[in-house]
Protein backbone atom coordinates (compact mmCIF):
# COMPACT_ATOMS: atom_id res chain seq x y z
CA UNK A 1 200.47 40.95 -102.86
CA UNK A 2 202.63 43.75 -104.76
CA UNK A 3 203.86 46.62 -102.81
CA UNK A 4 201.50 48.87 -104.84
CA UNK A 5 198.21 46.67 -103.55
CA UNK A 6 199.93 46.71 -100.25
CA UNK A 7 200.19 50.76 -100.21
CA UNK A 8 196.57 50.74 -101.42
CA UNK A 9 194.98 48.90 -98.75
CA UNK A 10 196.99 50.76 -96.21
CA UNK A 11 195.78 54.21 -98.08
CA UNK A 12 192.09 52.90 -97.79
CA UNK A 13 192.63 51.86 -94.13
CA UNK A 14 193.93 55.05 -93.36
CA UNK A 15 191.08 57.09 -95.21
CA UNK A 16 188.36 55.03 -93.58
CA UNK A 17 189.92 55.65 -90.11
CA UNK A 18 189.80 59.49 -90.70
CA UNK A 19 186.34 59.46 -91.84
CA UNK A 20 185.34 57.48 -88.95
CA UNK A 21 186.97 59.90 -86.55
CA UNK A 22 185.54 62.87 -88.62
CA UNK A 23 182.13 61.35 -88.01
CA UNK A 24 182.38 60.60 -84.30
CA UNK A 25 183.78 64.03 -83.90
CA UNK A 26 180.70 65.69 -85.66
CA UNK A 27 178.11 63.46 -83.70
CA UNK A 28 180.04 64.41 -80.41
CA UNK A 29 179.87 68.08 -81.06
CA UNK A 30 176.01 67.95 -82.40
CA UNK A 31 174.92 65.70 -79.60
CA UNK A 32 176.93 66.34 -76.62
CA UNK A 33 174.73 64.51 -74.18
CA UNK A 34 175.31 61.18 -76.01
CA UNK A 35 178.57 59.21 -75.91
CA UNK A 36 180.04 58.67 -79.29
CA UNK A 37 182.93 55.79 -79.69
CA UNK A 38 184.63 54.04 -82.56
CA UNK A 39 184.61 50.63 -82.60
CA UNK A 40 186.40 48.91 -85.34
CA UNK A 41 184.57 49.90 -88.51
CA UNK A 42 181.49 51.29 -86.60
CA UNK A 43 180.76 54.31 -84.84
CA UNK A 44 178.38 53.55 -81.85
CA UNK A 45 176.12 56.38 -80.27
CA UNK A 46 174.71 55.42 -76.90
CA UNK A 47 172.80 57.49 -74.33
CA UNK A 48 169.26 58.40 -73.25
CA UNK A 49 167.20 59.82 -76.16
CA UNK A 50 169.20 58.13 -78.79
CA UNK A 51 166.05 56.61 -80.21
CA UNK A 52 163.76 59.57 -80.01
CA UNK A 53 166.34 61.89 -82.15
CA UNK A 54 164.91 61.67 -85.79
CA UNK A 55 168.39 62.47 -87.33
CA UNK A 56 169.86 59.52 -85.64
CA UNK A 57 167.10 57.06 -86.42
CA UNK A 58 167.15 58.23 -90.15
CA UNK A 59 171.15 58.15 -90.58
CA UNK A 60 171.05 54.77 -88.57
CA UNK A 61 168.46 53.22 -91.35
CA UNK A 62 170.51 54.84 -94.38
CA UNK A 63 174.02 53.45 -93.13
CA UNK A 64 172.76 49.82 -92.31
């Protein structure tokens, strides 16, 4: 792997982590009663009412 390829992979990984962090923060702000955490390359939302919130059901079906 060239240095350029290694730098590109590092940049992509950084961008992915920033996107996950922004998504988790936005979900936590909009849904304060639920627990939001980042697990690897996934954002996990847990708590009562998760399946009752149509926003979460819709976005979950889109992102699978």
